[in-house]
C-alpha atoms as a PDB file:
ATOM      1  CA  MET A   1       7.438  -7.787  26.781  1.00  0.00           C
ATOM      2  CA  GLU A   2       6.142  -6.676  23.394  1.00  0.00           C
ATOM      3  CA  SER A   3       2.478  -5.715  23.629  1.00  0.00           C
ATOM      4  CA  LEU A   4      -0.516  -5.191  21.380  1.00  0.00           C
ATOM      5  CA  SER A   5      -0.818  -1.780  23.042  1.00  0.00           C
ATOM      6  CA  GLN A   6       1.820  -0.683  20.502  1.00  0.00           C
ATOM      7  CA  ILE A   7      -0.794  -1.110  17.759  1.00  0.00           C
ATOM      8  CA  ALA A   8      -3.460   1.594  17.409  1.00  0.00           C
ATOM      9  CA  LEU A   9      -6.252  -0.885  16.630  1.00  0.00           C
ATOM     10  CA  PHE A  10      -5.933  -2.504  20.076  1.00  0.00           C
ATOM     11  CA  LYS A  11      -5.119   0.422  22.365  1.00  0.00           C
ATOM     12  CA  SER A  12      -8.680   0.668  23.697  1.00  0.00           C
ATOM     13  CA  LEU A  13      -8.660  -2.911  25.026  1.00  0.00           C
ATOM     14  CA  PRO A  14      -8.478  -3.515  28.794  1.00  0.00           C
ATOM     15  CA  CYS A  15      -4.992  -4.166  30.148  1.00  0.00           C
ATOM     16  CA  ASP A  16      -5.737  -7.776  31.112  1.00  0.00           C
ATOM     17  CA  VAL A  17      -7.014  -8.565  27.596  1.00  0.00           C
ATOM     18  CA  LEU A  18      -4.000  -6.884  26.010  1.00  0.00           C
ATOM     19  CA  GLU A  19      -1.624  -8.856  28.207  1.00  0.00           C
ATOM     20  CA  ALA A  20      -3.333 -12.194  27.585  1.00  0.00           C
ATOM     21  CA  GLN A  21      -3.611 -11.777  23.806  1.00  0.00           C
ATOM     22  CA  SER A  22      -0.091 -10.343  23.484  1.00  0.00           C
ATOM     23  CA  ARG A  23       1.310 -13.585  24.900  1.00  0.00           C
ATOM     24  CA  ARG A  24      -0.368 -15.473  22.048  1.00  0.00           C
ATOM     25  CA  CYS A  25       1.365 -13.378  19.387  1.00  0.00           C
ATOM     26  CA  GLN A  26       4.941 -13.262  18.104  1.00  0.00           C
ATOM     27  CA  TRP A  27       7.109 -10.291  17.167  1.00  0.00           C
ATOM     28  CA  ARG A  28       9.463 -10.643  14.234  1.00  0.00           C
ATOM     29  CA  ARG A  29      12.083  -8.283  12.858  1.00  0.00           C
ATOM     30  CA  TYR A  30      12.979  -8.028   9.197  1.00  0.00           C
ATOM     31  CA  GLU A  31      15.686  -6.261   7.259  1.00  0.00           C
ATOM     32  CA  ALA A  32      14.913  -4.121   4.201  1.00  0.00           C
ATOM     33  CA  ASN A  33      13.808  -6.016   1.076  1.00  0.00           C
ATOM     34  CA  GLU A  34      13.106  -9.193   3.036  1.00  0.00           C
ATOM     35  CA  LEU A  35      10.205 -11.482   2.160  1.00  0.00           C
ATOM     36  CA  VAL A  36       7.544 -11.505   4.876  1.00  0.00           C
ATOM     37  CA  ILE A  37       4.794 -13.549   3.226  1.00  0.00           C
ATOM     38  CA  ASP A  38       5.098 -15.634   0.084  1.00  0.00           C
ATOM     39  CA  TYR A  39       2.158 -16.207  -2.233  1.00  0.00           C
ATOM     40  CA  GLU A  40       2.515 -19.955  -1.610  1.00  0.00           C
ATOM     41  CA  ASP A  41       2.669 -19.553   2.183  1.00  0.00           C
ATOM     42  CA  ASP A  42      -0.006 -21.788   3.726  1.00  0.00           C
ATOM     43  CA  SER A  43      -0.205 -19.888   7.047  1.00  0.00           C
ATOM     44  CA  ARG A  44      -3.367 -17.986   8.052  1.00  0.00           C
ATOM     45  CA  ASP A  45      -1.966 -15.509  10.569  1.00  0.00           C
ATOM     46  CA  VAL A  46      -2.433 -11.738  10.359  1.00  0.00           C
ATOM     47  CA  ARG A  47       0.565  -9.399  10.457  1.00  0.00           C
ATOM     48  CA  PHE A  48       0.517  -5.951  12.089  1.00  0.00           C
ATOM     49  CA  ILE A  49       3.284  -3.461  11.284  1.00  0.00           C
ATOM     50  CA  VAL A  50       4.706  -2.129  14.548  1.00  0.00           C
ATOM     51  CA  SER A  51       7.419  -0.124  12.763  1.00  0.00           C
ATOM     52  CA  GLY A  52       8.724   0.109   9.218  1.00  0.00           C
ATOM     53  CA  SER A  53       6.884  -0.433   5.948  1.00  0.00           C
ATOM     54  CA  VAL A  54       6.048  -3.177   3.456  1.00  0.00           C
ATOM     55  CA  ARG A  55       4.978  -3.563  -0.156  1.00  0.00           C
ATOM     56  CA  ILE A  56       2.142  -5.837  -1.312  1.00  0.00           C
ATOM     57  CA  ILE A  57       2.946  -7.411  -4.690  1.00  0.00           C
ATOM     58  CA  LEU A  58       0.916  -9.627  -6.996  1.00  0.00           C
ATOM     59  CA  ARG A  59       3.256 -11.793  -9.071  1.00  0.00           C
ATOM     60  CA  PHE A  60       2.321 -13.812 -12.143  1.00  0.00           C
ATOM     61  CA  ALA A  61       3.836 -16.982 -13.592  1.00  0.00           C
ATOM     62  CA  THR A  62       5.010 -14.946 -16.609  1.00  0.00           C
ATOM     63  CA  GLY A  63       7.341 -12.971 -14.351  1.00  0.00           C
ATOM     64  CA  LYS A  64       5.249  -9.820 -14.399  1.00  0.00           C
ATOM     65  CA  GLU A  65       4.205  -8.165 -11.152  1.00  0.00           C
ATOM     66  CA  VAL A  66       1.780  -5.495  -9.979  1.00  0.00           C
ATOM     67  CA  ILE A  67       2.272  -3.389  -6.861  1.00  0.00           C
ATOM     68  CA  LEU A  68      -1.080  -3.453  -5.073  1.00  0.00           C
ATOM     69  CA  ALA A  69      -0.241  -1.270  -2.070  1.00  0.00           C
ATOM     70  CA  GLU A  70       2.340  -0.118   0.420  1.00  0.00           C
ATOM     71  CA  MET A  71       1.692  -0.175   4.174  1.00  0.00           C
ATOM     72  CA  LYS A  72       3.351   1.356   7.230  1.00  0.00           C
ATOM     73  CA  ASP A  73       3.057   1.573  11.037  1.00  0.00           C
ATOM     74  CA  ASN A  74      -0.254   0.360  12.502  1.00  0.00           C
ATOM     75  CA  GLU A  75      -1.515  -1.143   9.247  1.00  0.00           C
ATOM     76  CA  PHE A  76      -2.097  -4.869   8.824  1.00  0.00           C
ATOM     77  CA  PHE A  77      -2.095  -7.517   6.107  1.00  0.00           C
ATOM     78  CA  GLY A  78      -2.891 -11.207   5.744  1.00  0.00           C
ATOM     79  CA  GLU A  79      -6.458 -10.752   6.991  1.00  0.00           C
ATOM     80  CA  ILE A  80      -8.052 -12.172   3.819  1.00  0.00           C
ATOM     81  CA  ALA A  81      -6.566 -15.648   4.364  1.00  0.00           C
ATOM     82  CA  ALA A  82      -7.505 -15.479   8.048  1.00  0.00           C
ATOM     83  CA  ILE A  83     -11.128 -14.572   7.293  1.00  0.00           C
ATOM     84  CA  ASP A  84     -11.915 -16.900   4.383  1.00  0.00           C
ATOM     85  CA  ASN A  85      -9.394 -19.641   5.297  1.00  0.00           C
ATOM     86  CA  GLU A  86      -8.151 -19.727   1.708  1.00  0.00           C
ATOM     87  CA  GLY A  87      -4.625 -19.261   0.348  1.00  0.00           C
ATOM     88  CA  ARG A  88      -2.584 -16.084   0.309  1.00  0.00           C
ATOM     89  CA  SER A  89      -3.483 -13.569  -2.390  1.00  0.00           C
ATOM     90  CA  ALA A  90      -0.132 -11.743  -2.741  1.00  0.00           C
ATOM     91  CA  ASN A  91       3.510 -11.493  -1.701  1.00  0.00           C
ATOM     92  CA  VAL A  92       4.647  -9.048   0.996  1.00  0.00           C
ATOM     93  CA  THR A  93       8.190  -7.627   1.141  1.00  0.00           C
ATOM     94  CA  THR A  94       9.694  -5.072   3.503  1.00  0.00           C
ATOM     95  CA  LEU A  95      10.738  -1.670   2.156  1.00  0.00           C
ATOM     96  CA  GLN A  96      12.889  -0.918   5.199  1.00  0.00           C
ATOM     97  CA  ARG A  97      13.881  -2.507   8.497  1.00  0.00           C
ATOM     98  CA  SER A  98      10.574  -3.464  10.098  1.00  0.00           C
ATOM     99  CA  THR A  99       9.060  -5.013  13.200  1.00  0.00           C
ATOM    100  CA  VAL A 100       5.904  -7.062  12.672  1.00  0.00           C
ATOM    101  CA  CYS A 101       3.461  -8.557  15.158  1.00  0.00           C
ATOM    102  CA  VAL A 102       2.289 -11.994  13.998  1.00  0.00           C
ATOM    103  CA  MET A 103      -1.222 -12.705  15.285  1.00  0.00           C
ATOM    104  CA  PRO A 104      -2.523 -16.272  14.876  1.00  0.00           C
ATOM    105  CA  GLN A 105      -5.741 -16.679  12.917  1.00  0.00           C
ATOM    106  CA  ALA A 106      -7.594 -17.905  16.012  1.00  0.00           C
ATOM    107  CA  VAL A 107      -6.670 -14.786  17.991  1.00  0.00           C
ATOM    108  CA  PHE A 108      -7.672 -12.448  15.162  1.00  0.00           C
ATOM    109  CA  LEU A 109     -11.058 -14.111  14.722  1.00  0.00           C
ATOM    110  CA  GLU A 110     -11.650 -14.075  18.484  1.00  0.00           C
ATOM    111  CA  MET A 111     -10.948 -10.338  18.460  1.00  0.00           C
ATOM    112  CA  LEU A 112     -13.471  -9.763  15.683  1.00  0.00           C
ATOM    113  CA  GLU A 113     -16.126 -11.862  17.404  1.00  0.00           C
ATOM    114  CA  GLY A 114     -15.557 -10.659  20.959  1.00  0.00           C
ATOM    115  CA  GLU A 115     -14.651  -6.977  20.514  1.00  0.00           C
ATOM    116  CA  PRO A 116     -17.360  -5.053  18.585  1.00  0.00           C
ATOM    117  CA  GLY A 117     -15.256  -1.874  18.489  1.00  0.00           C
ATOM    118  CA  ILE A 118     -12.348  -3.651  16.809  1.00  0.00           C
ATOM    119  CA  ASN A 119     -14.750  -5.457  14.470  1.00  0.00           C
ATOM    120  CA  ARG A 120     -16.188  -2.140  13.275  1.00  0.00           C
ATOM    121  CA  GLN A 121     -12.744  -0.632  12.771  1.00  0.00           C
ATOM    122  CA  VAL A 122     -11.584  -3.619  10.729  1.00  0.00           C
ATOM    123  CA  MET A 123     -14.734  -3.466   8.592  1.00  0.00           C
ATOM    124  CA  ARG A 124     -14.156   0.233   7.906  1.00  0.00           C
ATOM    125  CA  ILE A 125     -10.547  -0.458   6.918  1.00  0.00           C
ATOM    126  CA  LEU A 126     -11.581  -3.276   4.585  1.00  0.00           C
ATOM    127  CA  ALA A 127     -14.314  -1.105   3.055  1.00  0.00           C
ATOM    128  CA  LYS A 128     -11.736   1.611   2.393  1.00  0.00           C
ATOM    129  CA  ARG A 129      -9.472  -0.922   0.688  1.00  0.00           C
ATOM    130  CA  VAL A 130     -12.329  -2.142  -1.511  1.00  0.00           C
ATOM    131  CA  ARG A 131     -13.090   1.437  -2.582  1.00  0.00           C
ATOM    132  CA  TYR A 132      -9.416   1.953  -3.404  1.00  0.00           C
ATOM    133  CA  LEU A 133      -9.230  -1.228  -5.468  1.00  0.00           C
ATOM    134  CA  ASN A 134     -12.473  -0.320  -7.257  1.00  0.00           C
ATOM    135  CA  GLN A 135     -10.900   2.996  -8.227  1.00  0.00           C
ATOM    136  CA  ARG A 136      -7.783   1.235  -9.493  1.00  0.00           C
ATOM    137  CA  LEU A 137      -9.946  -1.186 -11.496  1.00  0.00           C
ATOM    138  CA  ALA A 138     -11.854   1.695 -13.098  1.00  0.00           C
ATOM    139  CA  GLU A 139      -8.582   3.360 -14.067  1.00  0.00           C
ATOM    140  CA  HIS A 140      -7.319   0.178 -15.727  1.00  0.00           C
ATOM    141  CA  CYS A 141     -10.607  -0.260 -17.574  1.00  0.00           C
ATOM    142  CA  PHE A 142     -11.124   3.267 -18.839  1.00  0.00           C
ATOM    143  CA  LEU A 143      -7.833   5.184 -18.859  1.00  0.00           C
ATOM    144  CA  GLN A 144      -4.942   5.002 -21.272  1.00  0.00           C
ATOM    145  CA  THR A 145      -1.570   4.094 -19.789  1.00  0.00           C
ATOM    146  CA  LYS A 146      -0.308   7.692 -19.704  1.00  0.00           C
ATOM    147  CA  HIS A 147      -3.393   8.852 -17.805  1.00  0.00           C
ATOM    148  CA  ARG A 148      -2.971   6.013 -15.289  1.00  0.00           C
ATOM    149  CA  LEU A 149       0.587   7.220 -14.764  1.00  0.00           C
ATOM    150  CA  TYR A 150      -0.530  10.816 -14.162  1.00  0.00           C
ATOM    151  CA  THR A 151      -3.122   9.588 -11.668  1.00  0.00           C
ATOM    152  CA  GLU A 152      -0.602   7.403  -9.825  1.00  0.00           C
ATOM    153  CA  LEU A 153       1.914  10.245  -9.562  1.00  0.00           C
ATOM    154  CA  LEU A 154      -0.732  12.458  -8.015  1.00  0.00           C
ATOM    155  CA  ARG A 155      -1.845   9.699  -5.635  1.00  0.00           C
ATOM    156  CA  MET A 156       1.723   9.048  -4.449  1.00  0.00           C
ATOM    157  CA  SER A 157       2.569  12.719  -3.906  1.00  0.00           C
ATOM    158  CA  ARG A 158       2.389  14.880  -0.805  1.00  0.00           C
ATOM    159  CA  PRO A 159       2.235  18.700  -0.473  1.00  0.00           C
ATOM    160  CA  ARG A 160       5.687  20.207  -0.985  1.00  0.00           C
ATOM    161  CA  LEU A 161       6.700  22.241   2.055  1.00  0.00           C
ATOM    162  CA  GLY A 162       7.405  25.871   1.243  1.00  0.00           C
ATOM    163  CA  HIS A 163       6.046  25.585  -2.304  1.00  0.00           C
ATOM    164  CA  GLU A 164       2.331  26.265  -2.433  1.00  0.00           C
ATOM    165  CA  GLY A 165       0.578  24.576  -5.339  1.00  0.00           C
ATOM    166  CA  GLN A 166       3.274  21.913  -5.755  1.00  0.00           C
ATOM    167  CA  ARG A 167       3.536  18.331  -4.560  1.00  0.00           C
ATOM    168  CA  SER A 168       6.482  15.948  -4.240  1.00  0.00           C
ATOM    169  CA  ILE A 169       7.241  12.236  -4.123  1.00  0.00           C
ATOM    170  CA  SER A 170      10.178  11.438  -1.866  1.00  0.00           C
ATOM    171  CA  PRO A 171      12.168   9.366  -2.375  1.00  0.00           C
ATOM    172  CA  PRO A 172      11.500   9.480  -6.114  1.00  0.00           C
ATOM    173  CA  PRO A 173      10.002   6.212  -7.414  1.00  0.00           C
ATOM    174  CA  THR A 174      11.957   4.172  -9.926  1.00  0.00           C
ATOM    175  CA  GLN A 175      10.520   3.785 -13.393  1.00  0.00           C
ATOM    176  CA  LYS A 176      10.296   0.055 -12.758  1.00  0.00           C
ATOM    177  CA  ASP A 177       8.156   0.627  -9.658  1.00  0.00           C
ATOM    178  CA  LEU A 178       5.882   3.071 -11.469  1.00  0.00           C
ATOM    179  CA  ALA A 179       5.440   0.567 -14.286  1.00  0.00           C
ATOM    180  CA  ALA A 180       4.519  -2.164 -11.776  1.00  0.00           C
ATOM    181  CA  ARG A 181       1.964   0.125 -10.149  1.00  0.00           C
ATOM    182  CA  ILE A 182       0.049   0.809 -13.356  1.00  0.00           C
ATOM    183  CA  GLY A 183       0.593  -2.440 -15.250  1.00  0.00           C
ATOM    184  CA  THR A 184       2.877  -1.374 -18.080  1.00  0.00           C
ATOM    185  CA  ARG A 185       6.515  -1.504 -19.245  1.00  0.00           C
ATOM    186  CA  ARG A 186       9.326   0.616 -17.835  1.00  0.00           C
ATOM    187  CA  GLU A 187      10.014   2.060 -21.293  1.00  0.00           C
ATOM    188  CA  VAL A 188       6.484   3.488 -21.451  1.00  0.00           C
ATOM    189  CA  VAL A 189       6.933   5.201 -18.081  1.00  0.00           C
ATOM    190  CA  SER A 190      10.322   6.575 -19.147  1.00  0.00           C
ATOM    191  CA  ARG A 191       8.828   8.116 -22.280  1.00  0.00           C
ATOM    192  CA  GLU A 192       5.896   9.711 -20.456  1.00  0.00           C
ATOM    193  CA  ILE A 193       8.021  11.097 -17.595  1.00  0.00           C
ATOM    194  CA  ALA A 194      10.374  12.655 -20.152  1.00  0.00           C
ATOM    195  CA  LYS A 195       7.408  14.320 -21.860  1.00  0.00           C
ATOM    196  CA  LEU A 196       6.093  15.679 -18.544  1.00  0.00           C
ATOM    197  CA  LYS A 197       9.540  17.144 -17.853  1.00  0.00           C
ATOM    198  CA  ARG A 198       9.674  18.807 -21.268  1.00  0.00           C
ATOM    199  CA  ASP A 199       6.252  20.306 -20.606  1.00  0.00           C
ATOM    200  CA  THR A 200       7.490  21.542 -17.175  1.00  0.00           C
ATOM    201  CA  ILE A 201       4.726  19.631 -15.383  1.00  0.00           C
ATOM    202  CA  VAL A 202       7.196  17.569 -13.362  1.00  0.00           C
ATOM    203  CA  ASP A 203      10.792  18.100 -12.303  1.00  0.00           C
ATOM    204  CA  LYS A 204      13.370  16.054 -10.445  1.00  0.00           C
ATOM    205  CA  THR A 205      15.488  17.351  -7.584  1.00  0.00           C
ATOM    206  CA  THR A 206      17.885  15.616  -5.238  1.00  0.00           C
ATOM    207  CA  GLY A 207      15.739  13.114  -3.368  1.00  0.00           C
ATOM    208  CA  ALA A 208      12.336  13.909  -4.875  1.00  0.00           C
ATOM    209  CA  LEU A 209      10.140  13.966  -7.946  1.00  0.00           C
ATOM    210  CA  ILE A 210       8.291  17.301  -8.020  1.00  0.00           C
ATOM    211  CA  LEU A 211       4.835  17.881  -9.498  1.00  0.00           C
ATOM    212  CA  THR A 212       5.288  21.514 -10.433  1.00  0.00           C
ATOM    213  CA  ASP A 213       2.043  22.259 -12.273  1.00  0.00           C
ATOM    214  CA  LEU A 214      -0.909  20.558 -10.587  1.00  0.00           C
ATOM    215  CA  LYS A 215      -3.482  22.465 -12.633  1.00  0.00           C
ATOM    216  CA  ARG A 216      -2.157  21.100 -15.928  1.00  0.00           C
ATOM    217  CA  LEU A 217      -1.643  17.618 -14.490  1.00  0.00           C
ATOM    218  CA  ASN A 218      -5.222  17.476 -13.215  1.00  0.00           C
ATOM    219  CA  LYS A 219      -6.433  18.734 -16.588  1.00  0.00           C
ATOM    220  CA  LEU A 220      -4.590  15.888 -18.337  1.00  0.00           C
ATOM    221  CA  ILE A 221      -6.223  13.367 -15.987  1.00  0.00           C
ATOM    222  CA  SER A 222      -9.675  14.895 -16.483  1.00  0.00           C
ATOM    223  CA  ASP A 223      -9.220  14.838 -20.257  1.00  0.00           C
ATOM    224  CA  GLY A 224      -8.267  11.162 -20.030  1.00  0.00           C
ATOM    225  CA  TRP A 225     -11.587  10.237 -18.441  1.00  0.00           C
ATOM    226  CA  THR A 226     -13.489  12.287 -21.010  1.00  0.00           C
ATOM    227  CA  GLU A 227     -11.623  10.860 -23.993  1.00  0.00           C
ATOM    228  CA  ASP A 228     -11.829   7.212 -22.983  1.00  0.00           C
ATOM    229  CA  MET A 229     -15.261   6.884 -21.449  1.00  0.00           C
END
């Protein structure tokens, strides 16, 4: 039987509690690019990613969309609707084949009320998300589009193995995705990426976008805050 012990947040629970609460949950499997939660979904359950990854998207009636976050193993979503009993705040779509534990609202709230350790962990996670969204809000308020792009590239990147002082994004993001992350048009992203390539600040290899000159990229970001504040 599938068990909540597969999820890091619940591993410290006693075996009998894990077994009892696991029976109240459901496990669902999704293919890549499959809708998990729709903005108009009236459910209040919380979803825990057992394996795979998902993308959180805010869509507008005009057809525009903003990528709010991407989540992977052991992360969860849908908690806002479960806590405040209001509607969903975004759409969630899988990025790859994924297994998701669906925890009913009642079970989630019981966990928060009856397990202080889990309650504290959830509060810390939510606080971290608020800080992240506050940072994103500040960037949208005070930075020009190009500086938001530079910041997002740096945020998405990871150290490049075997190349000290460089970072990489793998697989390389599409220009459409980058535009959705920073709230602009694909054409704007295309123009700025081309300029960064000409200036040898970024490069593209098979399977990755490389940030080759972090010092200059960070300087551009720093100048953006100074110019626009």
